[in-house]
Amino acid sequence: MHPLLVEGLTDAAGFVGGVLLAWGLGSLLGLDPLAPGYGNSAMGGILLAGLGGGLGLHMARRWRRGRASSITKD
């Protein structure tokens, strides 16, 4: 598989997974990024979803980098 395709797919999976986990956590805390208007609930949910997406992307890249270094060691 082409390395850029793997990079794109893992980045997308990490980002979407992070957003979904953050959205679930936000729902438990009463934050909804899709709430009408720009109230505290909506802004908190948007912030949490953005942080979750960024963290998921970071974790996907860290996983990919660790996997690449373990393959080169073998």
PDB file of N, CA and C in Angstrom:
ATOM      1  N   MET A   1       0.855  -1.170   0.000  1.00  0.00           N
ATOM      2  CA  MET A   1       0.000   0.000   0.000  1.00  0.00           C
ATOM      3  C   MET A   1       0.903   1.236   0.000  1.00  0.00           C
ATOM      4  N   HIS A   2       0.485   2.252  -0.709  1.00  0.00           N
ATOM      5  CA  HIS A   2       1.276   3.474  -0.834  1.00  0.00           C
ATOM      6  C   HIS A   2       1.394   4.164   0.535  1.00  0.00           C
ATOM      7  N   PRO A   3       2.592   4.599   0.919  1.00  0.00           N
ATOM      8  CA  PRO A   3       2.780   5.204   2.247  1.00  0.00           C
ATOM      9  C   PRO A   3       1.931   6.452   2.495  1.00  0.00           C
ATOM     10  N   LEU A   4       1.696   7.256   1.457  1.00  0.00           N
ATOM     11  CA  LEU A   4       0.873   8.445   1.662  1.00  0.00           C
ATOM     12  C   LEU A   4      -0.593   8.093   1.906  1.00  0.00           C
ATOM     13  N   LEU A   5      -1.046   7.002   1.295  1.00  0.00           N
ATOM     14  CA  LEU A   5      -2.412   6.546   1.550  1.00  0.00           C
ATOM     15  C   LEU A   5      -2.550   6.069   2.989  1.00  0.00           C
ATOM     16  N   VAL A   6      -1.564   5.333   3.458  1.00  0.00           N
ATOM     17  CA  VAL A   6      -1.573   4.868   4.853  1.00  0.00           C
ATOM     18  C   VAL A   6      -1.557   6.067   5.795  1.00  0.00           C
ATOM     19  N   GLU A   7      -0.732   7.064   5.487  1.00  0.00           N
ATOM     20  CA  GLU A   7      -0.661   8.260   6.326  1.00  0.00           C
ATOM     21  C   GLU A   7      -2.009   8.977   6.369  1.00  0.00           C
ATOM     22  N   GLY A   8      -2.631   9.151   5.232  1.00  0.00           N
ATOM     23  CA  GLY A   8      -3.919   9.829   5.182  1.00  0.00           C
ATOM     24  C   GLY A   8      -5.019   9.077   5.903  1.00  0.00           C
ATOM     25  N   LEU A   9      -5.057   7.774   5.718  1.00  0.00           N
ATOM     26  CA  LEU A   9      -6.095   6.966   6.366  1.00  0.00           C
ATOM     27  C   LEU A   9      -5.925   6.929   7.881  1.00  0.00           C
ATOM     28  N   THR A  10      -4.690   6.790   8.355  1.00  0.00           N
ATOM     29  CA  THR A  10      -4.485   6.752   9.805  1.00  0.00           C
ATOM     30  C   THR A  10      -4.735   8.119  10.427  1.00  0.00           C
ATOM     31  N   ASP A  11      -4.351   9.203   9.728  1.00  0.00           N
ATOM     32  CA  ASP A  11      -4.649  10.544  10.243  1.00  0.00           C
ATOM     33  C   ASP A  11      -6.161  10.756  10.346  1.00  0.00           C
ATOM     34  N   ALA A  12      -6.883  10.367   9.302  1.00  0.00           N
ATOM     35  CA  ALA A  12      -8.340  10.538   9.306  1.00  0.00           C
ATOM     36  C   ALA A  12      -8.988   9.705  10.408  1.00  0.00           C
ATOM     37  N   ALA A  13      -8.543   8.464  10.562  1.00  0.00           N
ATOM     38  CA  ALA A  13      -9.114   7.602  11.595  1.00  0.00           C
ATOM     39  C   ALA A  13      -8.835   8.153  12.989  1.00  0.00           C
ATOM     40  N   GLY A  14      -7.629   8.641  13.212  1.00  0.00           N
ATOM     41  CA  GLY A  14      -7.289   9.218  14.512  1.00  0.00           C
ATOM     42  C   GLY A  14      -8.111  10.462  14.813  1.00  0.00           C
ATOM     43  N   PHE A  15      -8.252  11.335  13.815  1.00  0.00           N
ATOM     44  CA  PHE A  15      -9.010  12.568  14.008  1.00  0.00           C
ATOM     45  C   PHE A  15     -10.473  12.274  14.297  1.00  0.00           C
ATOM     46  N   VAL A  16     -11.088  11.448  13.464  1.00  0.00           N
ATOM     47  CA  VAL A  16     -12.516  11.142  13.639  1.00  0.00           C
ATOM     48  C   VAL A  16     -12.748  10.393  14.951  1.00  0.00           C
ATOM     49  N   GLY A  17     -11.874   9.455  15.262  1.00  0.00           N
ATOM     50  CA  GLY A  17     -12.003   8.726  16.530  1.00  0.00           C
ATOM     51  C   GLY A  17     -11.896   9.657  17.728  1.00  0.00           C
ATOM     52  N   GLY A  18     -10.958  10.601  17.663  1.00  0.00           N
ATOM     53  CA  GLY A  18     -10.803  11.564  18.753  1.00  0.00           C
ATOM     54  C   GLY A  18     -12.013  12.462  18.903  1.00  0.00           C
ATOM     55  N   VAL A  19     -12.560  12.911  17.783  1.00  0.00           N
ATOM     56  CA  VAL A  19     -13.759  13.764  17.839  1.00  0.00           C
ATOM     57  C   VAL A  19     -14.936  12.995  18.425  1.00  0.00           C
ATOM     58  N   LEU A  20     -15.112  11.752  18.005  1.00  0.00           N
ATOM     59  CA  LEU A  20     -16.239  10.963  18.511  1.00  0.00           C
ATOM     60  C   LEU A  20     -16.104  10.680  20.006  1.00  0.00           C
ATOM     61  N   LEU A  21     -14.890  10.378  20.451  1.00  0.00           N
ATOM     62  CA  LEU A  21     -14.689  10.164  21.890  1.00  0.00           C
ATOM     63  C   LEU A  21     -14.938  11.450  22.681  1.00  0.00           C
ATOM     64  N   ALA A  22     -14.463  12.568  22.162  1.00  0.00           N
ATOM     65  CA  ALA A  22     -14.680  13.847  22.838  1.00  0.00           C
ATOM     66  C   ALA A  22     -16.157  14.218  22.841  1.00  0.00           C
ATOM     67  N   TRP A  23     -16.848  13.924  21.747  1.00  0.00           N
ATOM     68  CA  TRP A  23     -18.279  14.223  21.680  1.00  0.00           C
ATOM     69  C   TRP A  23     -19.044  13.392  22.723  1.00  0.00           C
ATOM     70  N   GLY A  24     -18.672  12.123  22.845  1.00  0.00           N
ATOM     71  CA  GLY A  24     -19.305  11.277  23.860  1.00  0.00           C
ATOM     72  C   GLY A  24     -19.044  11.791  25.265  1.00  0.00           C
ATOM     73  N   LEU A  25     -17.805  12.187  25.524  1.00  0.00           N
ATOM     74  CA  LEU A  25     -17.468  12.744  26.832  1.00  0.00           C
ATOM     75  C   LEU A  25     -18.223  14.055  27.054  1.00  0.00           C
ATOM     76  N   GLY A  26     -18.311  14.863  26.017  1.00  0.00           N
ATOM     77  CA  GLY A  26     -19.048  16.119  26.127  1.00  0.00           C
ATOM     78  C   GLY A  26     -20.522  15.897  26.410  1.00  0.00           C
ATOM     79  N   SER A  27     -21.091  14.869  25.821  1.00  0.00           N
ATOM     80  CA  SER A  27     -22.501  14.557  26.085  1.00  0.00           C
ATOM     81  C   SER A  27     -22.715  14.199  27.552  1.00  0.00           C
ATOM     82  N   LEU A  28     -21.762  13.470  28.114  1.00  0.00           N
ATOM     83  CA  LEU A  28     -21.858  13.136  29.537  1.00  0.00           C
ATOM     84  C   LEU A  28     -21.757  14.378  30.417  1.00  0.00           C
ATOM     85  N   LEU A  29     -21.015  15.374  29.942  1.00  0.00           N
ATOM     86  CA  LEU A  29     -20.837  16.615  30.702  1.00  0.00           C
ATOM     87  C   LEU A  29     -21.882  17.669  30.378  1.00  0.00           C
ATOM     88  N   GLY A  30     -22.788  17.373  29.439  1.00  0.00           N
ATOM     89  CA  GLY A  30     -23.837  18.317  29.070  1.00  0.00           C
ATOM     90  C   GLY A  30     -23.410  19.326  28.018  1.00  0.00           C
ATOM     91  N   LEU A  31     -22.361  19.019  27.265  1.00  0.00           N
ATOM     92  CA  LEU A  31     -21.883  19.910  26.211  1.00  0.00           C
ATOM     93  C   LEU A  31     -22.293  19.345  24.864  1.00  0.00           C
ATOM     94  N   ASP A  32     -22.843  20.192  24.002  1.00  0.00           N
ATOM     95  CA  ASP A  32     -23.317  19.744  22.700  1.00  0.00           C
ATOM     96  C   ASP A  32     -22.817  20.689  21.617  1.00  0.00           C
ATOM     97  N   PRO A  33     -21.859  20.254  20.782  1.00  0.00           N
ATOM     98  CA  PRO A  33     -21.333  21.143  19.755  1.00  0.00           C
ATOM     99  C   PRO A  33     -22.353  21.499  18.671  1.00  0.00           C
ATOM    100  N   LEU A  34     -23.441  20.766  18.585  1.00  0.00           N
ATOM    101  CA  LEU A  34     -24.457  21.042  17.573  1.00  0.00           C
ATOM    102  C   LEU A  34     -25.692  21.729  18.149  1.00  0.00           C
ATOM    103  N   ALA A  35     -25.565  22.251  19.369  1.00  0.00           N
ATOM    104  CA  ALA A  35     -26.685  22.970  19.981  1.00  0.00           C
ATOM    105  C   ALA A  35     -26.927  24.261  19.202  1.00  0.00           C
ATOM    106  N   PRO A  36     -28.192  24.674  19.100  1.00  0.00           N
ATOM    107  CA  PRO A  36     -28.488  25.914  18.362  1.00  0.00           C
ATOM    108  C   PRO A  36     -27.885  27.128  19.068  1.00  0.00           C
ATOM    109  N   GLY A  37     -27.412  28.062  18.283  1.00  0.00           N
ATOM    110  CA  GLY A  37     -26.824  29.279  18.835  1.00  0.00           C
ATOM    111  C   GLY A  37     -25.389  29.046  19.271  1.00  0.00           C
ATOM    112  N   TYR A  38     -24.855  30.037  19.936  1.00  0.00           N
ATOM    113  CA  TYR A  38     -23.479  29.958  20.418  1.00  0.00           C
ATOM    114  C   TYR A  38     -23.438  30.113  21.926  1.00  0.00           C
ATOM    115  N   GLY A  39     -24.244  29.314  22.606  1.00  0.00           N
ATOM    116  CA  GLY A  39     -24.257  29.343  24.058  1.00  0.00           C
ATOM    117  C   GLY A  39     -23.050  28.612  24.631  1.00  0.00           C
ATOM    118  N   ASN A  40     -22.993  28.565  25.933  1.00  0.00           N
ATOM    119  CA  ASN A  40     -21.875  27.912  26.609  1.00  0.00           C
ATOM    120  C   ASN A  40     -21.787  26.433  26.273  1.00  0.00           C
ATOM    121  N   SER A  41     -22.923  25.771  26.164  1.00  0.00           N
ATOM    122  CA  SER A  41     -22.936  24.343  25.845  1.00  0.00           C
ATOM    123  C   SER A  41     -22.348  24.088  24.462  1.00  0.00           C
ATOM    124  N   ALA A  42     -22.745  24.896  23.502  1.00  0.00           N
ATOM    125  CA  ALA A  42     -22.246  24.720  22.135  1.00  0.00           C
ATOM    126  C   ALA A  42     -20.764  25.043  22.048  1.00  0.00           C
ATOM    127  N   MET A  43     -20.344  26.153  22.654  1.00  0.00           N
ATOM    128  CA  MET A  43     -18.931  26.538  22.586  1.00  0.00           C
ATOM    129  C   MET A  43     -18.050  25.531  23.317  1.00  0.00           C
ATOM    130  N   GLY A  44     -18.499  25.038  24.455  1.00  0.00           N
ATOM    131  CA  GLY A  44     -17.734  24.012  25.173  1.00  0.00           C
ATOM    132  C   GLY A  44     -17.639  22.728  24.369  1.00  0.00           C
ATOM    133  N   GLY A  45     -18.731  22.353  23.715  1.00  0.00           N
ATOM    134  CA  GLY A  45     -18.715  21.151  22.882  1.00  0.00           C
ATOM    135  C   GLY A  45     -17.806  21.288  21.679  1.00  0.00           C
ATOM    136  N   ILE A  46     -17.806  22.468  21.053  1.00  0.00           N
ATOM    137  CA  ILE A  46     -16.924  22.709  19.908  1.00  0.00           C
ATOM    138  C   ILE A  46     -15.469  22.661  20.349  1.00  0.00           C
ATOM    139  N   LEU A  47     -15.168  23.278  21.472  1.00  0.00           N
ATOM    140  CA  LEU A  47     -13.807  23.266  22.004  1.00  0.00           C
ATOM    141  C   LEU A  47     -13.355  21.842  22.323  1.00  0.00           C
ATOM    142  N   LEU A  48     -14.214  21.093  22.983  1.00  0.00           N
ATOM    143  CA  LEU A  48     -13.872  19.718  23.342  1.00  0.00           C
ATOM    144  C   LEU A  48     -13.704  18.836  22.112  1.00  0.00           C
ATOM    145  N   ALA A  49     -14.552  19.014  21.100  1.00  0.00           N
ATOM    146  CA  ALA A  49     -14.429  18.236  19.867  1.00  0.00           C
ATOM    147  C   ALA A  49     -13.125  18.569  19.146  1.00  0.00           C
ATOM    148  N   GLY A  50     -12.752  19.838  19.119  1.00  0.00           N
ATOM    149  CA  GLY A  50     -11.492  20.235  18.493  1.00  0.00           C
ATOM    150  C   GLY A  50     -10.290  19.657  19.209  1.00  0.00           C
ATOM    151  N   LEU A  51     -10.319  19.705  20.525  1.00  0.00           N
ATOM    152  CA  LEU A  51      -9.221  19.119  21.302  1.00  0.00           C
ATOM    153  C   LEU A  51      -9.152  17.607  21.114  1.00  0.00           C
ATOM    154  N   GLY A  52     -10.298  16.966  21.081  1.00  0.00           N
ATOM    155  CA  GLY A  52     -10.327  15.515  20.874  1.00  0.00           C
ATOM    156  C   GLY A  52      -9.803  15.131  19.504  1.00  0.00           C
ATOM    157  N   GLY A  53     -10.183  15.883  18.479  1.00  0.00           N
ATOM    158  CA  GLY A  53      -9.692  15.611  17.130  1.00  0.00           C
ATOM    159  C   GLY A  53      -8.184  15.796  17.029  1.00  0.00           C
ATOM    160  N   GLY A  54      -7.687  16.866  17.621  1.00  0.00           N
ATOM    161  CA  GLY A  54      -6.246  17.105  17.614  1.00  0.00           C
ATOM    162  C   GLY A  54      -5.480  16.045  18.369  1.00  0.00           C
ATOM    163  N   LEU A  55      -6.011  15.623  19.509  1.00  0.00           N
ATOM    164  CA  LEU A  55      -5.352  14.575  20.287  1.00  0.00           C
ATOM    165  C   LEU A  55      -5.391  13.244  19.550  1.00  0.00           C
ATOM    166  N   GLY A  56      -6.512  12.940  18.912  1.00  0.00           N
ATOM    167  CA  GLY A  56      -6.607  11.704  18.130  1.00  0.00           C
ATOM    168  C   GLY A  56      -5.636  11.689  16.970  1.00  0.00           C
ATOM    169  N   LEU A  57      -5.487  12.816  16.294  1.00  0.00           N
ATOM    170  CA  LEU A  57      -4.530  12.934  15.199  1.00  0.00           C
ATOM    171  C   LEU A  57      -3.104  12.754  15.715  1.00  0.00           C
ATOM    172  N   HIS A  58      -2.799  13.379  16.837  1.00  0.00           N
ATOM    173  CA  HIS A  58      -1.469  13.240  17.437  1.00  0.00           C
ATOM    174  C   HIS A  58      -1.173  11.785  17.799  1.00  0.00           C
ATOM    175  N   MET A  59      -2.144  11.107  18.375  1.00  0.00           N
ATOM    176  CA  MET A  59      -1.944   9.706  18.763  1.00  0.00           C
ATOM    177  C   MET A  59      -1.774   8.811  17.539  1.00  0.00           C
ATOM    178  N   ALA A  60      -2.499   9.091  16.461  1.00  0.00           N
ATOM    179  CA  ALA A  60      -2.352   8.303  15.238  1.00  0.00           C
ATOM    180  C   ALA A  60      -0.958   8.479  14.655  1.00  0.00           C
ATOM    181  N   ARG A  61      -0.452   9.694  14.656  1.00  0.00           N
ATOM    182  CA  ARG A  61       0.897   9.944  14.132  1.00  0.00           C
ATOM    183  C   ARG A  61       1.954   9.312  15.017  1.00  0.00           C
ATOM    184  N   ARG A  62       1.746   9.374  16.327  1.00  0.00           N
ATOM    185  CA  ARG A  62       2.698   8.742  17.247  1.00  0.00           C
ATOM    186  C   ARG A  62       2.704   7.222  17.040  1.00  0.00           C
ATOM    187  N   TRP A  63       1.523   6.625  16.865  1.00  0.00           N
ATOM    188  CA  TRP A  63       1.431   5.189  16.620  1.00  0.00           C
ATOM    189  C   TRP A  63       2.151   4.817  15.320  1.00  0.00           C
ATOM    190  N   ARG A  64       1.920   5.617  14.274  1.00  0.00           N
ATOM    191  CA  ARG A  64       2.534   5.348  12.976  1.00  0.00           C
ATOM    192  C   ARG A  64       4.058   5.490  13.052  1.00  0.00           C
ATOM    193  N   ARG A  65       4.550   6.488  13.758  1.00  0.00           N
ATOM    194  CA  ARG A  65       5.988   6.685  13.903  1.00  0.00           C
ATOM    195  C   ARG A  65       6.623   5.540  14.692  1.00  0.00           C
ATOM    196  N   GLY A  66       5.961   5.089  15.749  1.00  0.00           N
ATOM    197  CA  GLY A  66       6.466   3.965  16.528  1.00  0.00           C
ATOM    198  C   GLY A  66       6.466   2.680  15.730  1.00  0.00           C
ATOM    199  N   ARG A  67       5.459   2.508  14.924  1.00  0.00           N
ATOM    200  CA  ARG A  67       5.378   1.310  14.077  1.00  0.00           C
ATOM    201  C   ARG A  67       6.475   1.321  13.021  1.00  0.00           C
ATOM    202  N   ALA A  68       6.748   2.486  12.450  1.00  0.00           N
ATOM    203  CA  ALA A  68       7.787   2.598  11.427  1.00  0.00           C
ATOM    204  C   ALA A  68       9.168   2.336  12.016  1.00  0.00           C
ATOM    205  N   SER A  69       9.410   2.823  13.239  1.00  0.00           N
ATOM    206  CA  SER A  69      10.722   2.601  13.843  1.00  0.00           C
ATOM    207  C   SER A  69      10.906   1.145  14.247  1.00  0.00           C
ATOM    208  N   SER A  70       9.824   0.458  14.637  1.00  0.00           N
ATOM    209  CA  SER A  70       9.958  -0.957  14.998  1.00  0.00           C
ATOM    210  C   SER A  70      10.154  -1.816  13.764  1.00  0.00           C
ATOM    211  N   ILE A  71       9.615  -1.396  12.627  1.00  0.00           N
ATOM    212  CA  ILE A  71       9.803  -2.155  11.385  1.00  0.00           C
ATOM    213  C   ILE A  71      11.247  -2.033  10.906  1.00  0.00           C
ATOM    214  N   THR A  72      11.831  -0.833  11.044  1.00  0.00           N
ATOM    215  CA  THR A  72      13.208  -0.640  10.587  1.00  0.00           C
ATOM    216  C   THR A  72      14.207  -1.343  11.489  1.00  0.00           C
ATOM    217  N   LYS A  73      13.859  -1.602  12.744  1.00  0.00           N
ATOM    218  CA  LYS A  73      14.760  -2.299  13.663  1.00  0.00           C
ATOM    219  C   LYS A  73      14.834  -3.795  13.376  1.00  0.00           C
ATOM    220  N   ASP A  74      13.754  -4.342  12.797  1.00  0.00           N
ATOM    221  CA  ASP A  74      13.723  -5.798  12.547  1.00  0.00           C
ATOM    222  C   ASP A  74      14.653  -6.233  11.451  1.00  0.00           C
TER     223      ASP A  74
END
